[in-house]
Amino acid sequence: MSDQSINTRQDDIIEKFSMLDGDMEMMIGYLMELGEKLPEMPEEIKTEDNIVKGCQSKVWLTAEENDGNLSFQADSNTAITKGLVSLLVSILNNSAIDDILNADLYFVNKIGMNRFIGTQRSNGFLAMIKQIKMFALAYKTKLENEA
């Protein structure tokens, strides 16, 4: 079990973004900074199979199950998109499968993300969330079938 809940992690992000006072440039800069902190994804798993469909940029995303928790690896070929996927990973990484499936990602509205990422990236971001939930559903089904 992770030491922090999904909501606690979201609240931390909301707090960090609120310090930027809605300054778009600073928010995008911070987002890109978060992307730079994303752990390096091995080149050999940056395959066509791991690309998130529906993103304009290339986004690679993988999930691994361990004791009912999922951990994610992600990367992107653009700085802002890498920042977006890193936000999701930082919030959902090492969380219980059911917690991921039931997560209400309220941080998106609280930080006013749609104001600074635009429609195309919003669609891509939704595709990333959908992919993470699909991983969770697939692992949940697999675990139930093994039980």
Protein backbone atom coordinates (compact mmCIF):
# COMPACT_ATOMS: atom_id res chain seq x y z
CA MET A 1 0.00 0.00 0.00
CA SER A 2 1.32 3.43 -0.83
CA ASP A 3 2.08 5.90 1.90
CA GLN A 4 -0.03 8.56 0.20
CA SER A 5 -3.49 8.32 -1.24
CA ILE A 6 -4.29 9.47 -4.75
CA ASN A 7 -6.22 12.42 -3.31
CA THR A 8 -3.32 13.45 -1.05
CA ARG A 9 -1.01 13.48 -4.08
CA GLN A 10 -3.57 15.50 -6.06
CA ASP A 11 -3.85 18.00 -3.21
CA ASP A 12 -0.05 18.40 -3.20
CA ILE A 13 -0.08 19.18 -6.92
CA ILE A 14 -2.99 21.60 -6.55
CA GLU A 15 -1.08 23.38 -3.79
CA LYS A 16 2.10 23.63 -5.91
CA PHE A 17 0.19 24.98 -8.91
CA SER A 18 -1.76 27.45 -6.77
CA MET A 19 1.54 29.07 -5.80
CA LEU A 20 1.96 30.05 -9.47
CA ASP A 21 -1.11 32.33 -9.25
CA GLY A 22 -2.53 31.21 -12.59
CA ASP A 23 0.51 32.54 -14.48
CA MET A 24 0.30 30.49 -17.70
CA GLU A 25 3.98 30.72 -18.57
CA MET A 26 5.04 29.67 -15.09
CA MET A 27 2.50 26.82 -15.09
CA ILE A 28 3.78 25.48 -18.41
CA GLY A 29 7.37 25.89 -17.19
CA TYR A 30 6.55 23.94 -14.03
CA LEU A 31 4.81 21.25 -16.08
CA MET A 32 7.90 20.88 -18.26
CA GLU A 33 10.07 20.72 -15.13
CA LEU A 34 7.91 17.86 -13.81
CA GLY A 35 8.43 16.04 -17.10
CA GLU A 36 12.19 16.34 -16.74
CA LYS A 37 11.95 14.59 -13.35
CA LEU A 38 10.15 11.60 -14.83
CA PRO A 39 12.38 8.52 -14.45
CA GLU A 40 14.07 7.52 -17.71
CA MET A 41 12.06 5.00 -19.71
CA PRO A 42 14.20 2.26 -21.27
CA GLU A 43 14.34 2.59 -25.07
CA GLU A 44 13.41 -1.07 -25.57
CA ILE A 45 9.93 -0.51 -24.13
CA LYS A 46 9.28 2.56 -26.27
CA THR A 47 7.48 0.38 -28.78
CA GLU A 48 4.47 0.92 -30.99
CA ASP A 49 2.44 -1.29 -28.60
CA ASN A 50 3.12 1.08 -25.70
CA ILE A 51 2.08 4.26 -27.52
CA VAL A 52 -1.06 5.92 -26.15
CA LYS A 53 -3.57 6.22 -28.97
CA GLY A 54 -5.23 9.62 -29.29
CA CYS A 55 -2.24 11.78 -28.43
CA GLN A 56 -0.78 14.10 -31.05
CA SER A 57 2.65 13.76 -29.49
CA LYS A 58 4.17 10.35 -28.94
CA VAL A 59 3.41 9.10 -25.43
CA TRP A 60 4.65 5.75 -24.23
CA LEU A 61 3.02 4.22 -21.18
CA THR A 62 3.43 0.84 -19.50
CA ALA A 63 2.03 -0.64 -16.31
CA GLU A 64 3.23 -3.37 -14.01
CA GLU A 65 1.24 -5.04 -11.26
CA ASN A 66 2.78 -5.91 -7.90
CA ASP A 67 0.65 -7.12 -4.95
CA GLY A 68 -2.48 -5.49 -6.32
CA ASN A 69 -0.77 -2.14 -6.94
CA LEU A 70 0.16 -0.71 -10.32
CA SER A 71 3.35 1.11 -11.16
CA PHE A 72 3.78 3.02 -14.38
CA GLN A 73 6.57 4.02 -16.70
CA ALA A 74 6.00 6.79 -19.19
CA ASP A 75 7.70 9.13 -21.60
CA SER A 76 6.87 11.53 -24.41
CA ASN A 77 8.72 13.14 -27.28
CA THR A 78 7.53 16.65 -26.29
CA ALA A 79 8.29 18.50 -23.06
CA ILE A 80 4.76 19.66 -22.18
CA THR A 81 3.19 16.27 -22.90
CA LYS A 82 5.92 14.57 -20.88
CA GLY A 83 4.96 16.93 -18.04
CA LEU A 84 1.31 15.93 -18.38
CA VAL A 85 2.01 12.21 -18.29
CA SER A 86 4.40 12.74 -15.36
CA LEU A 87 1.54 14.39 -13.42
CA LEU A 88 -0.60 11.29 -13.91
CA VAL A 89 2.23 8.94 -13.01
CA SER A 90 3.08 10.92 -9.86
CA ILE A 91 -0.56 10.79 -8.75
CA LEU A 92 -1.43 7.20 -9.67
CA ASN A 93 1.90 5.34 -9.38
CA ASN A 94 2.03 2.47 -6.88
CA SER A 95 -1.69 2.76 -6.12
CA ALA A 96 -4.14 -0.07 -5.62
CA ILE A 97 -5.92 -1.15 -8.81
CA ASP A 98 -9.38 -0.33 -7.42
CA ASP A 99 -8.16 3.09 -6.26
CA ILE A 100 -6.99 3.83 -9.80
CA LEU A 101 -10.26 2.63 -11.31
CA ASN A 102 -12.29 4.74 -8.90
CA ALA A 103 -10.01 7.78 -8.90
CA ASP A 104 -11.66 11.13 -9.40
CA LEU A 105 -8.90 13.20 -10.95
CA TYR A 106 -10.20 16.50 -9.66
CA PHE A 107 -6.78 18.18 -9.82
CA VAL A 108 -7.31 18.81 -13.56
CA ASN A 109 -10.08 21.35 -12.92
CA LYS A 110 -8.59 22.70 -9.68
CA ILE A 111 -5.35 23.77 -11.36
CA GLY A 112 -7.28 25.04 -14.40
CA MET A 113 -5.26 22.80 -16.66
CA ASN A 114 -7.63 23.06 -19.62
CA ARG A 115 -6.89 26.83 -19.69
CA PHE A 116 -3.23 26.29 -20.44
CA ILE A 117 -3.00 23.06 -22.42
CA GLY A 118 -5.57 23.57 -25.19
CA THR A 119 -8.04 21.18 -26.78
CA GLN A 120 -5.62 18.87 -28.60
CA ARG A 121 -3.55 18.24 -25.48
CA SER A 122 -6.72 17.89 -23.38
CA ASN A 123 -7.84 15.09 -25.69
CA GLY A 124 -4.43 13.47 -25.44
CA PHE A 125 -4.49 13.81 -21.66
CA LEU A 126 -7.90 12.09 -21.54
CA ALA A 127 -6.43 9.33 -23.72
CA MET A 128 -3.61 8.88 -21.16
CA ILE A 129 -6.13 8.63 -18.30
CA LYS A 130 -8.20 6.15 -20.30
CA GLN A 131 -5.08 4.05 -21.00
CA ILE A 132 -4.14 3.98 -17.30
CA LYS A 133 -7.70 2.92 -16.38
CA MET A 134 -7.58 0.24 -19.11
CA PHE A 135 -4.35 -1.13 -17.61
CA ALA A 136 -6.01 -1.20 -14.19
CA LEU A 137 -9.07 -2.98 -15.56
CA ALA A 138 -6.96 -5.53 -17.42
CA TYR A 139 -4.89 -6.34 -14.31
CA LYS A 140 -8.02 -6.49 -12.14
CA THR A 141 -9.59 -9.00 -14.54
CA LYS A 142 -6.36 -11.01 -14.69
CA LEU A 143 -6.09 -11.14 -10.88
CA GLU A 144 -9.75 -12.14 -10.51
CA ASN A 145 -9.27 -14.93 -13.04
CA GLU A 146 -6.21 -16.20 -11.20
CA ALA A 147 -7.98 -16.20 -7.83
